[in-house]
Amino acid sequence: MSRQSVLNERHRQLGSKLDGDTWNDMPIPWSYDRDPHEEVVATRTRAALYDVSALNIVRVDGPDAEAVIDRLVSIDVTRLTPGCARLAAEVNEDGALVDDIMVIRDGATRFRLSHGSGATPRTLALLAAGRDVVVTPDRDVHILSLQGPLALSVLAPHTPADLAALPYFQHVETTLFGKPVVLGRGGYSGERGYEIYCAAADAVMLWDAVLEAGRPQGVIPASWTALDLTRVEGALLFFPFEMPEGDTTPWEVNMGWAIDLDKPGDYIGKAAVLKLRGRERVKQAGMLVDHDAAVPAGTPIFEGERQVGVVTTASYSRYLMQSLAMVHLAPIHTRPGTRLTLRTADAAFTATVVRTPFYDPLRRRTHG
C-alpha cells in the first residue's frame, strides 16, 4: 500500500510529477521546475527545505524497549540518554549489514527507530514477540529537513528551544510556529541542519511557515535530486546502494564507529561481525574522476587489466566542479593519491583516490 506525503500538492505546485521511483512506498519529489544544482548552491550557501517524510519511523515503547533494541543493533543502547540519537550497524547472523538505522531515545522506555528499506521490521517483530513492548510504525509523522548555514537563524526565532545549544545528533520536544514538534540537529547534506518531526495535520502549515520565514534570506524548497547530490558530496552512505555485494560488512564501509566493541550485551550477529574485523574484502573510498559528467553506478575499476573495485554511487558536482565517485576498492588500493582506471561501456577514465567527504573533509559544518 502506497504511503503519501500531505505535502504532495506543494510538490506539484513546484513542478514535481511525483511519478518517478518511490522510496519506502512513498512517491517523492525527485525534481522541481528548477535546476537541482541551484538547490545545492542554496543548501551550501543559505538553506534549503526538504521533505524527507519517506523515512520509516517506528515507535518502540514499553519496559522492554531498551532490551529489545539492544538485541537489534551493535551499539550499546543502554548508554543512550533521552534526547540523543545514534546511527547503528544492524547486521544478520553472518555479520552483514541488513539495514540503515538510527536509534532515537525519547525517554527511559520510549524510542524511535528511523530506518531504510532493509530487514528492520521483520527482525524487530521477532525480537519483540513475547516481550513487554509495543512496536508501532508511525504513519502520521512528517519530517521536514532544513539544511544549510542559515538554518539556525531561520528557525531559532520561532521556537522556545535553545537551538544554538543543541548538539549534533540530539533532539528536543518543543514547538515551532506554535505547533508541537520534535526538533533534531542532523540531516543528510553535509551542512548544519535541523529535522522537524511533526504531525501530518501540521506539516503543510510548517512547510509554508519555514519557507516564508526564510524567504528574505534566500531559503528555497529543494528536491530529492539535490539531496542526493549533497549526500554524495558529503560521502554519506545510502543503504543498499553502497553495499552492492549483498553481504557487505560494517568494516568494509568504514562503519566501525557504529559498533561498540566493548558492548557487554549480545546482539544478532555479534560473534560474526567481530570476527570479520580486519578481514575486509573491499573498503569504501572516494575518487575524483577525470570526466565532465557522472559515471554510472556499477562501473568497474581497474589497475591495468585487473579489476580492483566498483563504483557504488557517482555524481557530477557542479558546486565542486568535479566528477565524484563513491567506490569499493580492494583495501591495498585505498591510499589517497592512488590512480586507477574506470571503464564504462563506451570509454575509460582515470580517477584518483581522495580523502572523503569530498566536501568539508573535517565535517566542521555539520559538527562545529
Protein backbone atom coordinates (compact mmCIF):
# COMPACT_ATOMS: atom_id res chain seq x y z
CA MET A 1 0.00 0.00 0.00
CA SER A 2 1.45 3.35 -1.06
CA ARG A 3 2.21 5.99 1.55
CA GLN A 4 1.54 9.61 0.67
CA SER A 5 3.02 12.85 1.97
CA VAL A 6 0.45 15.53 2.78
CA LEU A 7 2.91 17.90 1.09
CA ASN A 8 2.31 16.36 -2.33
CA GLU A 9 0.25 19.34 -3.52
CA ARG A 10 3.09 21.68 -2.59
CA HIS A 11 5.49 19.46 -4.56
CA ARG A 12 3.20 19.53 -7.60
CA GLN A 13 2.98 23.32 -7.40
CA LEU A 14 6.78 23.37 -7.54
CA GLY A 15 6.77 21.23 -10.69
CA SER A 16 7.20 17.69 -9.37
CA LYS A 17 5.24 14.99 -11.19
CA LEU A 18 5.64 12.55 -8.27
CA ASP A 19 5.68 9.79 -10.88
CA GLY A 20 9.25 8.54 -10.55
CA ASP A 21 10.63 5.81 -8.34
CA THR A 22 9.13 5.64 -4.87
CA TRP A 23 11.15 5.13 -1.70
CA ASN A 24 9.74 3.13 1.19
CA ASP A 25 6.46 3.02 -0.78
CA MET A 26 6.13 6.82 -0.86
CA PRO A 27 6.21 8.93 -4.05
CA ILE A 28 8.91 11.54 -3.62
CA PRO A 29 9.72 14.83 -5.41
CA TRP A 30 12.79 13.90 -7.43
CA SER A 31 12.78 17.24 -9.22
CA TYR A 32 11.09 20.64 -9.32
CA ASP A 33 10.89 23.31 -12.04
CA ARG A 34 14.42 24.39 -11.14
CA ASP A 35 17.91 23.11 -11.82
CA PRO A 36 18.75 20.88 -8.82
CA HIS A 37 22.30 22.26 -8.86
CA GLU A 38 20.80 25.64 -7.92
CA GLU A 39 19.18 23.91 -4.95
CA VAL A 40 22.58 22.53 -3.96
CA VAL A 41 24.01 26.05 -4.03
CA ALA A 42 21.15 27.23 -1.80
CA THR A 43 21.86 24.36 0.61
CA ARG A 44 25.56 25.16 0.73
CA THR A 45 25.33 28.96 0.95
CA ARG A 46 21.93 29.74 2.51
CA ALA A 47 19.48 26.95 3.39
CA ALA A 48 17.02 24.68 1.61
CA LEU A 49 13.95 22.82 2.84
CA TYR A 50 13.47 19.14 2.03
CA ASP A 51 10.51 16.82 2.60
CA VAL A 52 12.03 13.58 3.92
CA SER A 53 8.78 12.08 5.20
CA ALA A 54 9.53 8.89 3.26
CA LEU A 55 11.86 7.82 6.07
CA ASN A 56 10.43 4.90 8.04
CA ILE A 57 9.82 5.85 11.67
CA VAL A 58 8.93 3.11 14.16
CA ARG A 59 7.99 3.80 17.77
CA VAL A 60 9.18 1.23 20.30
CA ASP A 61 7.69 1.76 23.75
CA GLY A 62 7.47 -0.20 26.99
CA PRO A 63 9.54 -1.63 29.84
CA ASP A 64 11.40 -4.00 27.47
CA ALA A 65 12.02 -1.43 24.72
CA GLU A 66 15.66 -0.87 25.62
CA ALA A 67 16.43 -4.58 25.83
CA VAL A 68 14.74 -5.35 22.51
CA ILE A 69 16.58 -2.60 20.61
CA ASP A 70 19.86 -3.54 22.29
CA ARG A 71 19.50 -7.00 20.73
CA LEU A 72 18.79 -5.46 17.33
CA VAL A 73 21.84 -3.21 16.91
CA SER A 74 25.58 -3.19 17.54
CA ILE A 75 25.77 -0.05 19.69
CA ASP A 76 25.23 -0.16 23.47
CA VAL A 77 21.72 1.25 23.67
CA THR A 78 21.87 1.37 27.48
CA ARG A 79 24.32 4.30 27.19
CA LEU A 80 21.96 6.36 25.07
CA THR A 81 20.34 9.12 27.15
CA PRO A 82 16.93 10.70 26.45
CA GLY A 83 17.20 13.39 23.80
CA CYS A 84 20.06 11.66 21.98
CA ALA A 85 20.33 9.59 18.82
CA ARG A 86 22.99 7.38 17.26
CA LEU A 87 23.47 5.66 13.97
CA ALA A 88 24.00 1.95 14.47
CA ALA A 89 25.02 -1.06 12.45
CA GLU A 90 22.28 -3.67 12.11
CA VAL A 91 23.69 -6.99 10.93
CA ASN A 92 22.48 -10.52 10.36
CA GLU A 93 23.88 -13.72 11.87
CA ASP A 94 26.66 -13.66 9.26
CA GLY A 95 27.76 -10.16 10.25
CA ALA A 96 26.46 -8.50 7.05
CA LEU A 97 24.65 -5.16 7.06
CA VAL A 98 20.89 -5.54 6.64
CA ASP A 99 19.59 -2.00 7.18
CA ASP A 100 20.46 1.62 7.73
CA ILE A 101 19.18 2.53 11.19
CA MET A 102 19.19 5.42 13.64
CA VAL A 103 18.21 4.80 17.25
CA ILE A 104 16.49 7.82 18.81
CA ARG A 105 15.83 7.79 22.55
CA ASP A 106 12.94 9.96 23.75
CA GLY A 107 12.66 8.63 27.31
CA ALA A 108 13.52 5.78 29.64
CA THR A 109 11.09 3.45 27.86
CA ARG A 110 10.38 5.42 24.67
CA PHE A 111 12.37 5.06 21.45
CA ARG A 112 12.02 5.83 17.77
CA LEU A 113 13.86 3.96 15.04
CA SER A 114 14.50 5.70 11.74
CA HIS A 115 15.41 3.09 9.15
CA GLY A 116 15.71 2.43 5.46
CA SER A 117 14.34 -0.32 3.28
CA GLY A 118 16.03 -3.32 4.89
CA ALA A 119 15.27 -6.03 7.44
CA THR A 120 14.29 -3.92 10.46
CA PRO A 121 10.50 -4.52 10.52
CA ARG A 122 10.73 -8.31 10.36
CA THR A 123 13.64 -8.62 12.77
CA LEU A 124 12.14 -6.18 15.25
CA ALA A 125 8.85 -8.10 15.25
CA LEU A 126 10.70 -11.33 16.05
CA LEU A 127 12.65 -9.75 18.89
CA ALA A 128 9.55 -8.08 20.35
CA ALA A 129 7.46 -11.26 20.41
CA GLY A 130 6.53 -12.13 24.00
CA ARG A 131 8.22 -9.03 25.42
CA ASP A 132 6.59 -6.12 27.28
CA VAL A 133 6.97 -3.73 24.38
CA VAL A 134 4.75 -2.09 21.76
CA VAL A 135 6.13 -1.62 18.24
CA THR A 136 4.18 0.87 16.13
CA PRO A 137 5.10 2.13 12.67
CA ASP A 138 4.38 5.88 12.70
CA ARG A 139 2.42 6.53 9.52
CA ASP A 140 1.36 10.02 10.57
CA VAL A 141 4.72 11.67 11.22
CA HIS A 142 6.10 14.03 8.59
CA ILE A 143 9.72 15.13 8.53
CA LEU A 144 10.89 18.46 7.16
CA SER A 145 14.64 18.96 6.89
CA LEU A 146 16.08 22.49 6.76
CA GLN A 147 19.71 22.22 5.69
CA GLY A 148 22.30 24.95 5.33
CA PRO A 149 24.39 27.53 7.17
CA LEU A 150 21.37 29.80 7.76
CA ALA A 151 19.08 27.05 9.12
CA LEU A 152 19.65 28.09 12.73
CA SER A 153 18.89 31.77 12.14
CA VAL A 154 15.71 30.89 10.23
CA LEU A 155 14.26 28.57 12.89
CA ALA A 156 15.56 29.97 16.18
CA PRO A 157 13.20 33.00 16.41
CA HIS A 158 10.16 30.74 16.06
CA THR A 159 10.77 28.15 18.79
CA PRO A 160 11.33 28.42 22.56
CA ALA A 161 14.02 25.73 22.30
CA ASP A 162 17.65 26.83 22.53
CA LEU A 163 18.63 25.52 19.11
CA ALA A 164 22.02 27.18 19.21
CA ALA A 165 22.96 24.97 22.17
CA LEU A 166 21.57 21.75 20.68
CA PRO A 167 24.48 19.38 19.87
CA TYR A 168 24.73 17.27 16.75
CA PHE A 169 22.51 14.16 16.88
CA GLN A 170 20.44 15.46 19.78
CA HIS A 171 16.79 16.49 19.76
CA VAL A 172 14.20 18.27 21.84
CA GLU A 173 10.40 18.14 22.12
CA THR A 174 9.17 21.71 21.70
CA THR A 175 7.03 23.90 19.48
CA LEU A 176 7.75 25.60 16.16
CA PHE A 177 5.47 28.36 14.90
CA GLY A 178 3.17 27.28 17.75
CA LYS A 179 2.88 23.65 16.62
CA PRO A 180 4.18 20.69 18.66
CA VAL A 181 7.29 19.21 17.06
CA VAL A 182 10.48 17.34 17.75
CA LEU A 183 13.49 19.29 16.51
CA GLY A 184 16.65 17.27 15.89
CA ARG A 185 20.02 18.52 14.76
CA GLY A 186 21.21 16.45 11.82
CA GLY A 187 20.46 15.77 8.20
CA TYR A 188 21.81 14.26 5.02
CA SER A 189 23.50 17.17 3.32
CA GLY A 190 26.91 17.70 4.92
CA GLU A 191 25.65 21.03 6.30
CA ARG A 192 24.43 22.21 9.67
CA GLY A 193 20.74 21.43 9.64
CA TYR A 194 17.63 20.57 11.60
CA GLU A 195 14.94 17.94 11.12
CA ILE A 196 11.38 18.85 12.08
CA TYR A 197 9.22 15.88 13.12
CA CYS A 198 5.57 16.88 13.11
CA ALA A 199 2.03 15.55 12.75
CA ALA A 200 0.60 15.28 9.26
CA ALA A 201 -2.07 17.83 10.21
CA ASP A 202 0.64 20.46 10.83
CA ALA A 203 3.05 19.64 8.01
CA VAL A 204 1.69 21.97 5.30
CA MET A 205 1.46 24.91 7.70
CA LEU A 206 5.03 24.33 8.93
CA TRP A 207 6.38 23.89 5.38
CA ASP A 208 4.85 27.22 4.36
CA ALA A 209 5.93 28.97 7.56
CA VAL A 210 9.56 27.87 7.32
CA LEU A 211 9.79 28.98 3.68
CA GLU A 212 8.13 32.31 4.46
CA ALA A 213 10.45 32.93 7.41
CA GLY A 214 13.48 32.09 5.26
CA ARG A 215 12.42 33.90 2.11
CA PRO A 216 14.29 37.15 2.94
CA GLN A 217 17.48 35.08 3.35
CA GLY A 218 17.04 33.19 0.09
CA VAL A 219 15.75 29.90 1.52
CA ILE A 220 14.07 27.69 -1.09
CA PRO A 221 12.46 24.23 -1.26
CA ALA A 222 14.71 21.52 -2.67
CA SER A 223 14.18 18.21 -4.43
CA TRP A 224 15.48 14.73 -3.72
CA THR A 225 17.88 15.01 -6.65
CA ALA A 226 19.54 17.90 -4.82
CA LEU A 227 19.52 15.87 -1.61
CA ASP A 228 21.30 13.02 -3.39
CA LEU A 229 23.86 15.41 -4.87
CA THR A 230 24.66 16.87 -1.46
CA ARG A 231 24.85 13.49 0.25
CA VAL A 232 27.39 12.25 -2.31
CA GLU A 233 29.44 15.42 -1.80
CA GLY A 234 29.30 14.57 1.90
CA ALA A 235 30.17 10.89 1.18
CA LEU A 236 27.15 9.76 3.20
CA LEU A 237 26.11 6.13 2.82
CA PHE A 238 22.71 5.10 1.45
CA PHE A 239 21.56 1.52 2.10
CA PRO A 240 21.64 -0.63 -0.01
CA PHE A 241 23.37 1.32 -2.80
CA GLU A 242 26.74 1.48 -1.00
CA MET A 243 26.51 -2.24 -0.15
CA PRO A 244 26.37 -3.90 -3.60
CA GLU A 245 27.99 -7.17 -2.52
CA GLY A 246 24.83 -8.26 -0.70
CA ASP A 247 26.86 -9.36 2.33
CA THR A 248 28.83 -6.16 2.95
CA THR A 249 30.15 -5.85 6.49
CA PRO A 250 30.25 -2.61 8.53
CA TRP A 251 34.05 -2.70 8.45
CA GLU A 252 34.02 -2.62 4.64
CA VAL A 253 32.08 0.67 4.56
CA ASN A 254 34.10 2.30 7.37
CA MET A 255 31.28 1.94 9.90
CA GLY A 256 33.42 0.85 12.81
CA TRP A 257 32.06 3.91 14.66
CA ALA A 258 28.61 2.23 14.57
CA ILE A 259 29.82 -0.79 16.56
CA ASP A 260 30.61 -0.60 20.28
CA LEU A 261 33.42 -3.10 20.69
CA ASP A 262 33.02 -3.07 24.47
CA LYS A 263 29.26 -3.61 24.42
CA PRO A 264 28.63 -6.25 27.11
CA GLY A 265 25.27 -7.46 25.83
CA ASP A 266 24.64 -9.82 22.97
CA TYR A 267 23.03 -8.82 19.69
CA ILE A 268 22.19 -10.52 16.42
CA GLY A 269 25.40 -11.31 14.54
CA LYS A 270 27.76 -10.10 17.29
CA ALA A 271 30.20 -13.02 17.12
CA ALA A 272 30.29 -12.95 13.32
CA VAL A 273 30.76 -9.22 12.88
CA LEU A 274 33.52 -9.02 15.49
CA LYS A 275 35.29 -11.97 13.85
CA LEU A 276 35.16 -10.20 10.48
CA ARG A 277 37.02 -7.15 11.73
CA GLY A 278 40.31 -6.89 9.86
CA ARG A 279 39.15 -9.30 7.15
CA GLU A 280 37.76 -6.71 4.75
CA ARG A 281 37.47 -7.85 1.13
CA VAL A 282 36.80 -4.26 -0.02
CA LYS A 283 36.89 -0.80 1.53
CA GLN A 284 34.66 2.19 0.92
CA ALA A 285 36.58 5.09 -0.62
CA GLY A 286 36.12 8.19 -2.74
CA MET A 287 37.57 9.03 -6.14
CA LEU A 288 37.76 12.12 -8.32
CA VAL A 289 37.16 11.12 -11.92
CA ASP A 290 38.82 12.89 -14.85
CA HIS A 291 35.50 13.42 -16.60
CA ASP A 292 32.90 16.15 -17.09
CA ALA A 293 29.92 14.00 -16.04
CA ALA A 294 28.96 11.31 -13.56
CA VAL A 295 29.97 7.74 -14.35
CA PRO A 296 27.31 5.04 -13.95
CA ALA A 297 26.96 3.12 -10.72
CA GLY A 298 28.42 -0.34 -11.19
CA THR A 299 31.31 0.90 -13.35
CA PRO A 300 34.28 -1.45 -12.80
CA ILE A 301 37.63 -0.06 -11.64
CA PHE A 302 40.92 -1.44 -12.92
CA GLU A 303 44.62 -1.43 -12.18
CA GLY A 304 46.00 -2.32 -15.56
CA GLU A 305 43.88 -5.25 -16.74
CA ARG A 306 42.90 -6.44 -13.25
CA GLN A 307 39.60 -5.31 -11.74
CA VAL A 308 40.16 -3.95 -8.24
CA GLY A 309 36.86 -2.29 -7.44
CA VAL A 310 33.48 -0.93 -8.47
CA VAL A 311 31.62 2.38 -8.34
CA THR A 312 28.72 2.28 -5.86
CA THR A 313 27.33 5.80 -6.41
CA ALA A 314 28.53 8.72 -8.50
CA SER A 315 27.52 12.26 -9.38
CA TYR A 316 28.84 15.35 -11.07
CA SER A 317 29.08 18.15 -8.52
CA ARG A 318 28.64 21.48 -10.22
CA TYR A 319 29.27 23.11 -6.84
CA LEU A 320 32.71 21.49 -6.55
CA MET A 321 33.18 21.33 -10.35
CA GLN A 322 34.26 17.69 -10.09
CA SER A 323 33.07 14.23 -11.06
CA LEU A 324 32.71 12.29 -7.80
CA ALA A 325 32.57 8.55 -7.27
CA MET A 326 31.92 6.60 -4.10
CA VAL A 327 33.61 3.26 -4.64
CA HIS A 328 34.52 -0.12 -3.21
CA LEU A 329 38.19 -0.95 -3.71
CA ALA A 330 40.49 -3.74 -2.70
CA PRO A 331 41.99 -2.43 0.57
CA ILE A 332 45.53 -2.12 -0.83
CA HIS A 333 44.30 0.45 -3.37
CA THR A 334 42.63 2.93 -1.00
CA ARG A 335 45.63 5.14 -0.25
CA PRO A 336 44.89 8.78 -1.23
CA GLY A 337 46.66 9.65 -4.47
CA THR A 338 46.27 6.17 -5.97
CA ARG A 339 45.47 6.42 -9.70
CA LEU A 340 43.19 3.82 -11.28
CA THR A 341 41.06 3.43 -14.40
CA LEU A 342 37.26 3.38 -14.60
CA ARG A 343 35.86 1.63 -17.66
CA THR A 344 32.31 2.24 -18.84
CA ALA A 345 30.75 0.57 -21.85
CA ASP A 346 31.95 3.43 -24.05
CA ALA A 347 35.08 4.92 -22.55
CA ALA A 348 37.82 4.75 -19.94
CA PHE A 349 38.58 7.46 -17.37
CA THR A 350 41.45 7.94 -14.97
CA ALA A 351 40.43 8.55 -11.36
CA THR A 352 42.28 9.40 -8.16
CA VAL A 353 41.55 8.17 -4.64
CA VAL A 354 40.96 11.14 -2.32
CA ARG A 355 40.02 11.72 1.27
CA THR A 356 36.29 11.83 1.95
CA PRO A 357 33.98 13.60 2.49
CA PHE A 358 34.59 15.34 -0.82
CA TYR A 359 33.00 18.45 0.71
CA ASP A 360 34.15 19.73 4.13
CA PRO A 361 36.57 16.85 4.85
CA LEU A 362 36.76 17.65 8.57
CA ARG A 363 32.94 17.87 8.90
CA ARG A 364 33.23 21.28 10.55
CA ARG A 365 29.97 22.48 9.02
CA THR A 366 27.86 19.69 10.49
CA HIS A 367 29.65 19.17 13.80
CA GLY A 368 31.03 22.64 14.55
